[in-house]
Amino acid sequence: MSQDELFETNRRHFFGRSSSAVGLAALGSLLARDGFSLESNTPSLATNNGPGYGPGTVGPTHFPAKAKRAIYLVQSGAPSQLDTFDYKPSLEKLEGQELPDSIRGGQRLSGMTSGQKSFPVAKSIAPFRQYGQSGTWISDLLPHHGKIVDDICVIKSMHTEAINHDPGITFFQTGHQQPGRPSLGAWISYGLGSESQDFPSFVVLLDFNTEPRAQPIYARLWGSGFLPSNHQGVKFRSKGDPVLYLQDPTGGSLTDKRRLLDRLTQLNLLRQLQTGDPEIATRIAAYEMSYRMQMSTPELIDFSDEPQHTFDLYGEDARRPGTHASNCLLARRLIERGVRFVQVYHRDWDHHSSFPEKHPIIAREVDQGSAALVQDLKQRGLLDDTLVVWGGEFGRSVYKQGNSVAFGRDHHPRCFSMWMAGGGVRPGMSYGATDDWCYNIAENPVHVHDLNATILNQLGFDHQRLTYRFQGRDYRLTDIHGQVVRGILT
């Protein structure tokens, strides 16, 4: 047995067997009730970092934060940068030409095009227009984004190592291509705790589609990894009740449920006194959160209190649960209720064939809702301290996959576009640039680790100091990499 294990065993024995009087006093304090509400006692389950902090939470930020919360609009499958945000008039002349080896530079290709003998260039499938005072160029695939160009910062020089979807999106969400690490949202929850007594600090929203779509979304993308399990994301379902068992299937009353939870809490606390296992406190907190969500969630998902101008802004799709517009509106309602991090996933940007037909469809599905979210937050005075991030796991190739009219675009990790808004991000600007072929970065590269370091920075954390010791090593979201992208910050 190691010295650390011996110390842990002795500590547990000390608290579990030698301090029963202290333990019982604490138990009596924790089980004090105001009616049948536990809300006044919830902070007692925390680590003494203040109200709203759960087990395993770090507590105060490293420096004053520009953003109190974040919403991440994940475009799973990878939007094409040259058909959305990276205007390349040079491709008009290069259309149909063979991509030079000097530009490709021996890049590793995915299995979809590694066997191709020819790599003809395909220009953007839609025209671009300039919008706003900034004069930012936006594709006609995303016309509603033209309304927010002076509120967002478009990063055109993103790059990553991963070339396939699963490691690519895992890299963005966890800072590592292999699964098992804590997700970005879990790190944020661990660092910030929760502002809400009625909802978890980290919520995940998935799109609902009547037809099966590519790239399934796995729960490990919002998992807590080796962080305490109370920091994992809570997925809201996109069909039916967003949270299971909002209505008790037994038909029991709230008083009966409260009494049951009180007795269960007594048993769990007694066991915690015996073992010192911190996961028991996490389990108690989870039961209490579930109870409160049964009461708070029906009001959250009831959009009847939203005025008509909200649906004029988000579009009529916002009335259909599980659509991107509806999820964007729900994300706004969640952060209004104290949720720290909301992750909205929209799938099916991955088009290896029939690209000119399919890409506009997905763009239309996300365009109005994404733009409306930024406008809505701004109108409500929430954009200044809410960070919004939009983007996928990599970009798409400038060359055709296949040579037919119904060509596709392959995965492209070397350069792609994302945007950020609010939370201290400089609005109305573009950052970074790609070459005339939209194949390589020409200036100001931004890596995945740089993006995550910047997100944490805006939330008040030094990414090098937000760490967690696991198996003898201090881990962090950005591993041993990452630089804050100061050029996009106010």
Protein backbone atom coordinates (compact mmCIF):
# COMPACT_ATOMS: atom_id res chain seq x y z
CA MET A 1 0.00 0.00 0.00
CA SER A 2 1.37 3.40 -0.95
CA GLN A 3 1.84 6.22 1.53
CA ASP A 4 -1.04 8.16 -0.08
CA GLU A 5 -3.36 5.15 0.18
CA LEU A 6 -2.33 4.56 3.80
CA PHE A 7 -3.04 8.20 4.62
CA GLU A 8 -6.43 8.01 2.92
CA THR A 9 -7.33 4.84 4.82
CA ASN A 10 -6.29 6.33 8.17
CA ARG A 11 -8.20 9.53 7.41
CA ARG A 12 -11.35 7.63 6.57
CA HIS A 13 -11.08 5.54 9.73
CA PHE A 14 -10.54 8.68 11.78
CA PHE A 15 -13.63 10.44 10.45
CA GLY A 16 -15.72 7.31 10.19
CA ARG A 17 -15.02 5.75 13.58
CA SER A 18 -13.34 8.23 15.89
CA SER A 19 -15.52 11.27 15.27
CA SER A 20 -19.03 9.92 15.34
CA ALA A 21 -20.18 12.72 17.63
CA VAL A 22 -18.94 15.34 15.18
CA GLY A 23 -20.43 13.37 12.32
CA LEU A 24 -23.81 13.09 13.97
CA ALA A 25 -23.80 16.81 14.71
CA ALA A 26 -23.08 17.51 11.05
CA LEU A 27 -25.77 15.04 10.04
CA GLY A 28 -28.31 16.79 12.24
CA SER A 29 -27.40 20.12 10.67
CA LEU A 30 -27.66 18.76 7.14
CA LEU A 31 -31.04 17.17 7.77
CA ALA A 32 -32.61 20.30 9.26
CA ARG A 33 -35.66 21.08 7.19
CA ASP A 34 -37.73 24.10 6.36
CA GLY A 35 -40.99 22.31 5.54
CA PHE A 36 -39.79 19.68 3.09
CA SER A 37 -37.33 21.88 1.21
CA LEU A 38 -33.62 21.09 1.19
CA GLU A 39 -32.61 24.26 -0.65
CA SER A 40 -31.32 26.08 2.43
CA ASN A 41 -28.98 23.20 3.22
CA THR A 42 -27.62 22.50 -0.24
CA PRO A 43 -24.43 24.59 0.22
CA SER A 44 -23.53 22.36 3.20
CA LEU A 45 -22.83 19.60 0.69
CA ALA A 46 -20.24 21.78 -1.04
CA THR A 47 -16.56 22.37 -0.37
CA ASN A 48 -16.99 25.62 1.53
CA ASN A 49 -16.44 27.71 -1.57
CA GLY A 50 -19.68 29.61 -1.23
CA PRO A 51 -23.31 29.16 -2.29
CA GLY A 52 -23.89 27.24 -5.48
CA TYR A 53 -20.59 25.36 -5.50
CA GLY A 54 -20.88 21.59 -5.64
CA PRO A 55 -18.55 18.80 -4.54
CA GLY A 56 -15.14 19.04 -6.19
CA THR A 57 -15.56 22.62 -7.36
CA VAL A 58 -12.51 24.88 -7.49
CA GLY A 59 -14.24 28.07 -6.40
CA PRO A 60 -13.17 31.65 -7.19
CA THR A 61 -11.69 32.39 -10.62
CA HIS A 62 -8.02 33.21 -11.16
CA PHE A 63 -8.81 36.75 -12.30
CA PRO A 64 -11.92 38.83 -13.02
CA ALA A 65 -13.94 37.17 -15.75
CA LYS A 66 -15.31 38.90 -18.83
CA ALA A 67 -17.95 36.17 -19.23
CA LYS A 68 -20.09 34.57 -16.55
CA ARG A 69 -21.37 31.80 -18.78
CA ALA A 70 -20.98 30.30 -22.28
CA ILE A 71 -23.06 28.78 -25.07
CA TYR A 72 -21.27 26.57 -27.60
CA LEU A 73 -23.08 25.90 -30.88
CA VAL A 74 -21.37 22.73 -32.14
CA GLN A 75 -21.72 22.16 -35.88
CA SER A 76 -20.98 18.44 -35.96
CA GLY A 77 -19.69 17.12 -39.27
CA ALA A 78 -17.69 20.25 -40.22
CA PRO A 79 -19.10 23.20 -42.19
CA SER A 80 -17.19 24.25 -45.28
CA GLN A 81 -15.23 27.42 -44.55
CA LEU A 82 -15.03 28.47 -48.20
CA ASP A 83 -18.81 28.23 -48.54
CA THR A 84 -19.69 30.09 -45.33
CA PHE A 85 -17.21 32.62 -43.88
CA ASP A 86 -13.94 32.55 -45.88
CA TYR A 87 -14.56 34.52 -49.07
CA LYS A 88 -12.19 33.44 -51.85
CA PRO A 89 -12.80 35.27 -55.14
CA SER A 90 -9.48 33.80 -56.30
CA LEU A 91 -11.23 30.44 -56.67
CA GLU A 92 -13.25 31.78 -59.59
CA LYS A 93 -10.10 31.64 -61.72
CA LEU A 94 -8.83 28.44 -60.13
CA GLU A 95 -12.06 26.52 -60.67
CA GLY A 96 -11.37 23.09 -62.19
CA GLN A 97 -7.58 23.42 -61.95
CA GLU A 98 -5.56 20.70 -60.33
CA LEU A 99 -4.52 21.50 -56.76
CA PRO A 100 -0.72 21.84 -56.93
CA ASP A 101 1.45 19.46 -54.94
CA SER A 102 3.25 22.51 -53.57
CA ILE A 103 -0.01 23.62 -51.92
CA ARG A 104 -0.98 20.19 -50.68
CA GLY A 105 2.46 19.74 -49.21
CA GLY A 106 2.10 16.01 -48.72
CA GLN A 107 -0.86 16.42 -46.39
CA ARG A 108 -2.41 13.29 -44.99
CA LEU A 109 -5.82 12.69 -46.58
CA SER A 110 -8.82 10.85 -45.24
CA GLY A 111 -9.76 7.43 -46.56
CA MET A 112 -12.43 9.02 -48.73
CA THR A 113 -9.97 10.76 -51.10
CA SER A 114 -6.58 9.20 -50.40
CA GLY A 115 -6.99 7.04 -53.49
CA GLN A 116 -7.99 9.85 -55.85
CA LYS A 117 -5.71 10.50 -58.80
CA SER A 118 -6.96 14.01 -59.43
CA PHE A 119 -7.80 16.92 -57.11
CA PRO A 120 -9.73 19.54 -59.11
CA VAL A 121 -10.58 22.79 -57.34
CA ALA A 122 -14.26 23.60 -56.73
CA LYS A 123 -15.15 27.24 -56.07
CA SER A 124 -17.72 28.32 -53.49
CA ILE A 125 -21.20 27.04 -54.27
CA ALA A 126 -22.87 30.33 -53.27
CA PRO A 127 -22.05 34.01 -53.75
CA PHE A 128 -20.79 36.16 -50.85
CA ARG A 129 -21.96 39.60 -49.79
CA GLN A 130 -20.57 42.26 -47.47
CA TYR A 131 -22.59 43.18 -44.38
CA GLY A 132 -22.51 45.68 -41.56
CA GLN A 133 -20.14 48.49 -40.75
CA SER A 134 -17.32 45.96 -40.64
CA GLY A 135 -17.96 44.93 -44.24
CA THR A 136 -17.58 41.26 -43.34
CA TRP A 137 -18.14 38.86 -46.21
CA ILE A 138 -20.83 36.22 -45.54
CA SER A 139 -22.05 33.51 -47.88
CA ASP A 140 -25.61 33.51 -49.15
CA LEU A 141 -25.92 30.14 -47.39
CA LEU A 142 -26.09 32.10 -44.10
CA PRO A 143 -27.99 35.32 -44.85
CA HIS A 144 -29.20 35.82 -41.25
CA HIS A 145 -25.58 35.95 -40.12
CA GLY A 146 -25.33 39.19 -42.06
CA LYS A 147 -27.38 40.76 -39.24
CA ILE A 148 -24.78 39.92 -36.58
CA VAL A 149 -21.46 40.52 -38.36
CA ASP A 150 -20.79 43.60 -36.25
CA ASP A 151 -21.30 41.53 -33.08
CA ILE A 152 -19.11 38.52 -33.90
CA CYS A 153 -15.46 37.77 -34.50
CA VAL A 154 -14.85 35.36 -37.37
CA ILE A 155 -11.69 33.29 -36.89
CA LYS A 156 -10.54 32.12 -40.33
CA SER A 157 -7.31 30.44 -39.26
CA MET A 158 -8.43 27.54 -37.09
CA HIS A 159 -6.49 24.31 -37.47
CA THR A 160 -6.33 20.88 -35.87
CA GLU A 161 -4.49 17.56 -36.17
CA ALA A 162 -7.46 15.20 -36.40
CA ILE A 163 -8.68 14.28 -39.86
CA ASN A 164 -11.63 12.05 -38.97
CA HIS A 165 -14.81 13.00 -37.16
CA ASP A 166 -14.64 11.02 -33.95
CA PRO A 167 -11.13 12.06 -32.90
CA GLY A 168 -11.77 15.52 -34.35
CA ILE A 169 -14.82 16.37 -32.27
CA THR A 170 -13.38 14.57 -29.24
CA PHE A 171 -10.30 16.80 -29.54
CA PHE A 172 -12.40 19.96 -29.56
CA GLN A 173 -14.62 18.88 -26.70
CA THR A 174 -11.97 17.35 -24.40
CA GLY A 175 -8.56 18.58 -25.57
CA HIS A 176 -7.49 15.05 -26.51
CA GLN A 177 -8.22 12.83 -29.51
CA GLN A 178 -8.70 9.73 -27.37
CA PRO A 179 -11.88 9.48 -25.29
CA GLY A 180 -11.85 9.55 -21.52
CA ARG A 181 -10.75 13.08 -20.66
CA PRO A 182 -13.09 15.62 -19.03
CA SER A 183 -15.05 17.72 -21.48
CA LEU A 184 -14.78 21.48 -21.86
CA GLY A 185 -18.14 21.90 -20.13
CA ALA A 186 -17.05 19.69 -17.24
CA TRP A 187 -13.91 21.81 -16.74
CA ILE A 188 -16.06 24.95 -16.76
CA SER A 189 -18.48 23.43 -14.25
CA TYR A 190 -15.55 22.32 -12.09
CA GLY A 191 -14.11 25.81 -12.18
CA LEU A 192 -17.22 27.95 -11.85
CA GLY A 193 -19.74 25.84 -9.99
CA SER A 194 -23.40 26.70 -10.50
CA GLU A 195 -25.43 29.86 -10.14
CA SER A 196 -28.66 27.87 -10.07
CA GLN A 197 -30.31 25.80 -7.37
CA ASP A 198 -32.82 24.37 -9.87
CA PHE A 199 -30.64 23.33 -12.82
CA PRO A 200 -27.22 21.74 -13.31
CA SER A 201 -24.27 23.93 -14.24
CA PHE A 202 -23.74 22.14 -17.59
CA VAL A 203 -26.59 21.25 -19.98
CA VAL A 204 -26.43 19.60 -23.41
CA LEU A 205 -29.06 20.03 -26.14
CA LEU A 206 -29.22 17.74 -29.18
CA ASP A 207 -31.03 18.36 -32.44
CA PHE A 208 -34.00 16.20 -33.36
CA ASN A 209 -34.36 14.90 -36.90
CA THR A 210 -36.92 12.59 -38.41
CA GLU A 211 -34.24 11.00 -40.61
CA PRO A 212 -31.05 9.31 -39.37
CA ARG A 213 -28.01 11.53 -39.72
CA ALA A 214 -24.28 10.96 -39.92
CA GLN A 215 -21.86 11.17 -36.97
CA PRO A 216 -23.73 10.05 -33.89
CA ILE A 217 -23.11 12.21 -30.84
CA TYR A 218 -21.66 10.26 -27.92
CA ALA A 219 -22.28 11.08 -24.25
CA ARG A 220 -18.55 11.00 -23.55
CA LEU A 221 -18.30 14.35 -25.38
CA TRP A 222 -19.91 15.97 -22.34
CA GLY A 223 -18.57 13.53 -19.76
CA SER A 224 -16.63 14.44 -16.63
CA GLY A 225 -13.79 11.96 -17.19
CA PHE A 226 -11.76 11.82 -14.00
CA LEU A 227 -13.36 14.98 -12.57
CA PRO A 228 -16.10 14.44 -9.96
CA SER A 229 -19.15 13.10 -11.74
CA ASN A 230 -21.40 16.02 -10.74
CA HIS A 231 -19.61 18.05 -13.44
CA GLN A 232 -20.72 15.94 -16.40
CA GLY A 233 -23.23 17.50 -18.77
CA VAL A 234 -26.92 16.77 -18.33
CA LYS A 235 -28.47 15.92 -21.69
CA PHE A 236 -31.93 17.25 -22.42
CA ARG A 237 -33.80 14.97 -24.79
CA SER A 238 -34.91 16.48 -28.09
CA LYS A 239 -38.20 14.55 -28.27
CA GLY A 240 -40.83 14.26 -25.60
CA ASP A 241 -40.04 15.46 -22.10
CA PRO A 242 -36.47 16.83 -22.10
CA VAL A 243 -35.86 15.18 -18.73
CA LEU A 244 -37.18 11.72 -17.93
CA TYR A 245 -39.77 11.26 -15.18
CA LEU A 246 -40.89 14.85 -14.95
CA GLN A 247 -44.13 13.22 -13.92
CA ASP A 248 -43.81 10.53 -11.27
CA PRO A 249 -45.00 7.26 -12.89
CA THR A 250 -46.23 6.06 -9.48
CA GLY A 251 -48.49 9.08 -9.12
CA GLY A 252 -46.94 9.94 -5.77
CA SER A 253 -47.19 13.41 -4.27
CA LEU A 254 -44.32 15.85 -3.89
CA THR A 255 -44.57 15.40 -0.12
CA ASP A 256 -44.08 11.65 -0.48
CA LYS A 257 -41.08 12.16 -2.78
CA ARG A 258 -39.57 14.68 -0.37
CA ARG A 259 -39.96 12.25 2.52
CA LEU A 260 -38.35 9.44 0.50
CA LEU A 261 -35.39 11.63 -0.48
CA ASP A 262 -34.92 12.74 3.13
CA ARG A 263 -34.65 9.15 4.31
CA LEU A 264 -32.32 8.26 1.45
CA THR A 265 -30.14 11.26 2.28
CA GLN A 266 -29.87 10.09 5.90
CA LEU A 267 -28.63 6.67 4.77
CA ASN A 268 -26.18 8.15 2.27
CA LEU A 269 -24.75 10.57 4.83
CA LEU A 270 -24.27 7.78 7.35
CA ARG A 271 -22.40 5.81 4.72
CA GLN A 272 -20.30 8.84 3.84
CA LEU A 273 -19.31 9.23 7.48
CA GLN A 274 -18.13 5.61 7.43
CA THR A 275 -16.17 5.72 4.18
CA GLY A 276 -15.33 9.36 3.43
CA ASP A 277 -16.19 8.68 -0.22
CA PRO A 278 -16.76 12.08 -1.95
CA GLU A 279 -18.90 10.45 -4.64
CA ILE A 280 -21.61 9.90 -2.04
CA ALA A 281 -21.96 13.67 -1.65
CA THR A 282 -22.16 13.87 -5.43
CA ARG A 283 -24.95 11.28 -5.45
CA ILE A 284 -26.89 13.16 -2.76
CA ALA A 285 -26.57 16.37 -4.75
CA ALA A 286 -27.73 14.55 -7.91
CA TYR A 287 -30.88 13.26 -6.20
CA GLU A 288 -31.68 16.74 -4.91
CA MET A 289 -31.07 18.30 -8.32
CA SER A 290 -33.37 15.74 -9.94
CA TYR A 291 -36.09 16.59 -7.45
CA ARG A 292 -35.78 20.31 -8.08
CA MET A 293 -35.67 19.81 -11.86
CA GLN A 294 -38.99 17.99 -11.70
CA MET A 295 -40.47 21.23 -10.44
CA SER A 296 -38.46 23.75 -12.46
CA THR A 297 -38.18 22.11 -15.91
CA PRO A 298 -41.86 22.33 -16.95
CA GLU A 299 -41.68 26.12 -16.62
CA LEU A 300 -38.36 26.20 -18.50
CA ILE A 301 -39.67 24.38 -21.59
CA ASP A 302 -43.00 26.19 -21.67
CA PHE A 303 -42.45 28.83 -24.35
CA SER A 304 -45.95 30.24 -23.98
CA ASP A 305 -44.56 33.17 -22.01
CA GLU A 306 -42.40 34.21 -24.96
CA PRO A 307 -43.86 37.12 -26.96
CA GLN A 308 -44.50 36.86 -30.67
CA HIS A 309 -41.47 38.99 -31.51
CA THR A 310 -39.28 36.21 -30.06
CA PHE A 311 -40.61 33.78 -32.66
CA ASP A 312 -40.33 36.45 -35.34
CA LEU A 313 -36.64 36.62 -34.42
CA TYR A 314 -35.89 32.89 -34.11
CA GLY A 315 -38.37 31.74 -36.75
CA GLU A 316 -41.36 29.43 -36.47
CA ASP A 317 -39.01 26.45 -36.10
CA ALA A 318 -38.44 27.66 -32.55
CA ARG A 319 -41.91 26.31 -31.70
CA ARG A 320 -40.79 22.78 -32.64
CA PRO A 321 -38.77 21.12 -29.84
CA GLY A 322 -35.42 19.76 -30.94
CA THR A 323 -34.87 22.10 -33.88
CA HIS A 324 -31.77 24.25 -33.83
CA ALA A 325 -33.86 27.40 -33.41
CA SER A 326 -35.75 25.88 -30.49
CA ASN A 327 -32.50 24.74 -28.86
CA CYS A 328 -30.99 28.21 -29.24
CA LEU A 329 -34.01 29.75 -27.55
CA LEU A 330 -33.88 27.09 -24.84
CA ALA A 331 -30.17 27.84 -24.35
CA ARG A 332 -31.02 31.49 -23.70
CA ARG A 333 -33.69 30.48 -21.17
CA LEU A 334 -31.23 28.15 -19.44
CA ILE A 335 -28.51 30.75 -18.97
CA GLU A 336 -31.14 33.18 -17.70
CA ARG A 337 -31.81 30.63 -14.97
CA GLY A 338 -28.18 30.34 -13.92
CA VAL A 339 -26.81 27.51 -16.07
CA ARG A 340 -23.09 28.14 -16.66
CA PHE A 341 -22.48 26.22 -19.88
CA VAL A 342 -24.90 25.11 -22.58
CA GLN A 343 -23.74 23.02 -25.50
CA VAL A 344 -26.03 22.85 -28.53
CA TYR A 345 -25.20 20.13 -31.07
CA HIS A 346 -26.41 20.20 -34.67
CA ARG A 347 -25.43 17.34 -36.96
CA ASP A 348 -25.03 16.39 -40.60
CA TRP A 349 -22.57 18.93 -42.00
CA ASP A 350 -20.56 16.00 -43.44
CA HIS A 351 -21.20 15.88 -47.19
CA HIS A 352 -18.92 13.65 -49.24
CA SER A 353 -21.34 13.69 -52.16
CA SER A 354 -24.13 15.95 -53.43
CA PHE A 355 -22.43 18.80 -51.61
CA PRO A 356 -24.13 21.63 -53.61
CA GLU A 357 -27.50 20.12 -52.69
CA LYS A 358 -26.98 19.11 -49.04
CA HIS A 359 -24.83 21.84 -47.52
CA PRO A 360 -27.39 24.63 -48.12
CA ILE A 361 -30.07 22.55 -46.36
CA ILE A 362 -28.08 22.27 -43.13
CA ALA A 363 -27.01 25.90 -43.35
CA ARG A 364 -30.66 26.95 -43.49
CA GLU A 365 -31.44 24.83 -40.45
CA VAL A 366 -28.92 26.66 -38.25
CA ASP A 367 -28.67 30.13 -39.78
CA GLN A 368 -31.63 31.97 -38.28
CA GLY A 369 -31.47 30.36 -34.84
CA SER A 370 -27.74 30.99 -34.42
CA ALA A 371 -28.03 34.63 -35.47
CA ALA A 372 -31.18 35.15 -33.41
CA LEU A 373 -29.42 33.91 -30.27
CA VAL A 374 -26.77 36.61 -30.56
CA GLN A 375 -29.38 39.29 -31.29
CA ASP A 376 -31.60 38.11 -28.43
CA LEU A 377 -28.76 38.09 -25.91
CA LYS A 378 -27.73 41.57 -27.02
CA GLN A 379 -31.26 42.94 -26.71
CA ARG A 380 -31.52 41.55 -23.18
CA GLY A 381 -28.15 42.91 -22.08
CA LEU A 382 -26.73 39.40 -21.72
CA LEU A 383 -24.23 39.33 -24.58
CA ASP A 384 -21.60 41.37 -22.77
CA ASP A 385 -21.09 38.63 -20.16
CA THR A 386 -22.13 35.59 -22.20
CA LEU A 387 -19.58 33.95 -24.51
CA VAL A 388 -21.02 32.36 -27.67
CA VAL A 389 -18.93 29.98 -29.81
CA TRP A 390 -19.96 28.55 -33.22
CA GLY A 391 -18.06 25.94 -35.25
CA GLY A 392 -17.28 22.34 -36.16
CA GLU A 393 -14.41 19.93 -35.68
CA PHE A 394 -12.54 20.85 -38.92
CA GLY A 395 -13.28 22.29 -42.35
CA ARG A 396 -13.87 20.96 -45.87
CA SER A 397 -11.51 20.57 -48.79
CA VAL A 398 -11.28 23.03 -51.67
CA TYR A 399 -10.84 20.13 -54.06
CA LYS A 400 -13.66 17.91 -55.20
CA GLN A 401 -14.31 14.48 -53.83
CA GLY A 402 -15.34 12.85 -57.07
CA ASN A 403 -15.54 14.72 -60.35
CA SER A 404 -19.29 14.80 -60.99
CA VAL A 405 -21.66 17.72 -60.58
CA ALA A 406 -22.81 16.05 -57.35
CA PHE A 407 -19.29 16.26 -55.93
CA GLY A 408 -18.39 16.20 -52.26
CA ARG A 409 -15.86 18.00 -50.10
CA ASP A 410 -13.56 15.92 -47.92
CA HIS A 411 -12.38 16.66 -44.36
CA HIS A 412 -9.84 19.46 -44.06
CA PRO A 413 -8.06 20.12 -40.74
CA ARG A 414 -5.44 22.58 -42.03
CA CYS A 415 -7.65 25.65 -42.10
CA PHE A 416 -11.28 26.39 -41.29
CA SER A 417 -13.52 29.07 -39.79
CA MET A 418 -15.36 29.53 -36.51
CA TRP A 419 -16.89 32.56 -34.82
CA MET A 420 -17.14 33.88 -31.28
CA ALA A 421 -19.28 36.64 -29.79
CA GLY A 422 -19.79 38.41 -26.49
CA GLY A 423 -17.94 37.82 -23.25
CA GLY A 424 -15.08 40.22 -24.00
CA VAL A 425 -14.49 39.09 -27.60
CA ARG A 426 -13.80 41.97 -29.99
CA PRO A 427 -16.87 42.36 -32.24
CA GLY A 428 -17.07 43.14 -35.94
CA MET A 429 -13.73 41.71 -36.98
CA SER A 430 -12.10 38.82 -38.78
CA TYR A 431 -8.95 37.21 -37.45
CA GLY A 432 -6.41 35.21 -39.39
CA ALA A 433 -6.31 34.47 -43.09
CA THR A 434 -5.86 31.58 -45.51
CA ASP A 435 -4.07 31.40 -48.85
CA ASP A 436 -5.73 31.95 -52.23
CA TRP A 437 -6.48 28.23 -52.44
CA CYS A 438 -8.20 28.21 -49.04
CA TYR A 439 -5.93 25.33 -48.18
CA ASN A 440 -3.25 26.65 -45.80
CA ILE A 441 -3.14 29.35 -43.12
CA ALA A 442 -1.45 32.55 -44.26
CA GLU A 443 -1.46 34.47 -40.96
CA ASN A 444 -2.38 34.20 -37.26
CA PRO A 445 -2.98 30.45 -36.85
CA VAL A 446 -5.32 29.40 -34.04
CA HIS A 447 -5.10 25.84 -32.74
CA VAL A 448 -7.78 23.89 -30.88
CA HIS A 449 -5.81 24.32 -27.65
CA ASP A 450 -5.58 28.08 -28.29
CA LEU A 451 -9.35 28.29 -28.69
CA ASN A 452 -9.99 26.38 -25.46
CA ALA A 453 -7.39 28.45 -23.61
CA THR A 454 -9.18 31.60 -24.79
CA ILE A 455 -12.61 30.31 -23.73
CA LEU A 456 -11.30 29.56 -20.24
CA ASN A 457 -9.54 32.93 -20.12
CA GLN A 458 -12.78 34.80 -20.77
CA LEU A 459 -14.44 32.85 -17.98
CA GLY A 460 -11.71 33.95 -15.58
CA PHE A 461 -9.30 31.00 -15.67
CA ASP A 462 -5.64 30.63 -16.51
CA HIS A 463 -5.76 27.43 -18.53
CA GLN A 464 -2.36 26.44 -17.14
CA ARG A 465 -3.63 26.67 -13.56
CA LEU A 466 -7.06 25.06 -13.93
CA THR A 467 -5.80 21.55 -13.18
CA TYR A 468 -6.88 18.32 -11.52
CA ARG A 469 -4.56 15.70 -10.09
CA PHE A 470 -5.29 12.21 -11.36
CA GLN A 471 -3.08 9.13 -11.07
CA GLY A 472 -0.16 11.23 -9.88
CA ARG A 473 -0.30 13.82 -12.63
CA ASP A 474 -1.83 17.29 -12.88
CA TYR A 475 -4.12 17.34 -15.92
CA ARG A 476 -5.64 20.31 -17.69
CA LEU A 477 -7.92 20.87 -20.68
CA THR A 478 -5.11 22.15 -22.91
CA ASP A 479 -2.58 19.47 -21.83
CA ILE A 480 0.85 21.16 -22.19
CA HIS A 481 -0.18 23.45 -25.04
CA GLY A 482 -2.31 26.48 -25.82
CA GLN A 483 -1.97 30.25 -25.98
CA VAL A 484 -4.75 32.76 -25.33
CA VAL A 485 -5.61 34.52 -28.61
CA ARG A 486 -5.18 38.09 -27.35
CA GLY A 487 -5.78 39.61 -30.77
CA ILE A 488 -9.51 38.87 -30.66
CA LEU A 489 -10.12 40.18 -27.13
CA THR A 490 -11.20 43.62 -26.00
